[in-house]
């Protein structure tokens, strides 16, 4: 039971340990792509951008490993 004076906690969307924000500039087209993916996956824009960044890092590491 909540009363009008009760402060409800803000939901935390990022995994534990995510405390280093990065600001990235993207074009309108790139933002549109991120918004489209976020809507398809029912994620926030920041969660979608983080997911895409992590996938990109994994792909980059794999490409680098294959090049050696």
C-alpha atoms as a PDB file:
ATOM      1  CA  UNK A   1       0.000   0.000   0.000  1.00  0.00           C
ATOM      2  CA  UNK A   2       1.441   3.342  -1.000  1.00  0.00           C
ATOM      3  CA  UNK A   3       0.612   6.710   0.399  1.00  0.00           C
ATOM      4  CA  UNK A   4       0.803  10.006  -1.527  1.00  0.00           C
ATOM      5  CA  UNK A   5       4.014  10.912   0.336  1.00  0.00           C
ATOM      6  CA  UNK A   6       5.815   7.694  -0.558  1.00  0.00           C
ATOM      7  CA  UNK A   7       8.701   8.040  -3.009  1.00  0.00           C
ATOM      8  CA  UNK A   8       8.796   5.125  -5.398  1.00  0.00           C
ATOM      9  CA  UNK A   9      12.278   4.028  -6.426  1.00  0.00           C
ATOM     10  CA  UNK A  10      13.358   4.769  -9.978  1.00  0.00           C
ATOM     11  CA  UNK A  11      13.763   1.572 -12.011  1.00  0.00           C
ATOM     12  CA  UNK A  12      17.344   0.727 -12.896  1.00  0.00           C
ATOM     13  CA  UNK A  13      17.737  -0.406 -16.490  1.00  0.00           C
ATOM     14  CA  UNK A  14      21.506  -0.764 -16.769  1.00  0.00           C
ATOM     15  CA  UNK A  15      23.314  -3.825 -15.445  1.00  0.00           C
ATOM     16  CA  UNK A  16      25.285  -3.467 -12.213  1.00  0.00           C
ATOM     17  CA  UNK A  17      28.637  -1.836 -12.814  1.00  0.00           C
ATOM     18  CA  UNK A  18      27.432   0.424 -15.642  1.00  0.00           C
ATOM     19  CA  UNK A  19      28.507   3.725 -14.167  1.00  0.00           C
ATOM     20  CA  UNK A  20      30.697   5.226 -16.897  1.00  0.00           C
ATOM     21  CA  UNK A  21      28.487   7.136 -19.336  1.00  0.00           C
ATOM     22  CA  UNK A  22      29.711   7.934 -22.841  1.00  0.00           C
ATOM     23  CA  UNK A  23      28.234  10.655 -25.006  1.00  0.00           C
ATOM     24  CA  UNK A  24      28.234   9.811 -28.694  1.00  0.00           C
ATOM     25  CA  UNK A  25      27.251  12.029 -31.584  1.00  0.00           C
ATOM     26  CA  UNK A  26      25.268  10.298 -34.327  1.00  0.00           C
ATOM     27  CA  UNK A  27      23.639  11.512 -37.515  1.00  0.00           C
ATOM     28  CA  UNK A  28      19.870  11.819 -37.791  1.00  0.00           C
ATOM     29  CA  UNK A  29      19.871   8.715 -39.988  1.00  0.00           C
ATOM     30  CA  UNK A  30      21.891   6.715 -37.447  1.00  0.00           C
ATOM     31  CA  UNK A  31      19.602   7.852 -34.637  1.00  0.00           C
ATOM     32  CA  UNK A  32      16.617   6.776 -36.694  1.00  0.00           C
ATOM     33  CA  UNK A  33      18.185   3.339 -37.089  1.00  0.00           C
ATOM     34  CA  UNK A  34      18.792   3.108 -33.332  1.00  0.00           C
ATOM     35  CA  UNK A  35      15.217   4.232 -32.605  1.00  0.00           C
ATOM     36  CA  UNK A  36      13.863   1.610 -35.034  1.00  0.00           C
ATOM     37  CA  UNK A  37      15.900  -1.163 -33.414  1.00  0.00           C
ATOM     38  CA  UNK A  38      14.945   0.028 -29.917  1.00  0.00           C
ATOM     39  CA  UNK A  39      11.272  -0.117 -30.837  1.00  0.00           C
ATOM     40  CA  UNK A  40      11.612  -3.612 -32.344  1.00  0.00           C
ATOM     41  CA  UNK A  41      13.441  -4.920 -29.284  1.00  0.00           C
ATOM     42  CA  UNK A  42      11.367  -2.919 -26.764  1.00  0.00           C
ATOM     43  CA  UNK A  43      14.499  -1.348 -25.253  1.00  0.00           C
ATOM     44  CA  UNK A  44      15.418   2.193 -24.346  1.00  0.00           C
ATOM     45  CA  UNK A  45      17.623   4.130 -26.748  1.00  0.00           C
ATOM     46  CA  UNK A  46      20.563   3.931 -24.352  1.00  0.00           C
ATOM     47  CA  UNK A  47      20.137   0.178 -23.803  1.00  0.00           C
ATOM     48  CA  UNK A  48      19.940  -0.337 -27.563  1.00  0.00           C
ATOM     49  CA  UNK A  49      23.030   1.793 -28.184  1.00  0.00           C
ATOM     50  CA  UNK A  50      24.899  -0.165 -25.480  1.00  0.00           C
ATOM     51  CA  UNK A  51      23.840  -3.496 -27.000  1.00  0.00           C
ATOM     52  CA  UNK A  52      24.962  -2.392 -30.461  1.00  0.00           C
ATOM     53  CA  UNK A  53      28.256  -1.114 -29.058  1.00  0.00           C
ATOM     54  CA  UNK A  54      28.925  -4.411 -27.269  1.00  0.00           C
ATOM     55  CA  UNK A  55      28.123  -6.363 -30.442  1.00  0.00           C
ATOM     56  CA  UNK A  56      30.401  -4.080 -32.412  1.00  0.00           C
ATOM     57  CA  UNK A  57      33.241  -4.565 -29.939  1.00  0.00           C
ATOM     58  CA  UNK A  58      32.829  -8.349 -30.121  1.00  0.00           C
ATOM     59  CA  UNK A  59      32.822  -8.217 -33.933  1.00  0.00           C
ATOM     60  CA  UNK A  60      35.868  -5.942 -33.950  1.00  0.00           C
ATOM     61  CA  UNK A  61      37.743  -8.291 -31.615  1.00  0.00           C
ATOM     62  CA  UNK A  62      36.816 -11.285 -33.773  1.00  0.00           C
ATOM     63  CA  UNK A  63      37.914  -9.517 -36.970  1.00  0.00           C
ATOM     64  CA  UNK A  64      41.200  -8.499 -35.350  1.00  0.00           C
ATOM     65  CA  UNK A  65      41.813 -12.029 -34.111  1.00  0.00           C
ATOM     66  CA  UNK A  66      41.132 -13.444 -37.602  1.00  0.00           C
ATOM     67  CA  UNK A  67      43.538 -10.928 -39.179  1.00  0.00           C
ATOM     68  CA  UNK A  68      46.470 -12.097 -37.041  1.00  0.00           C
END
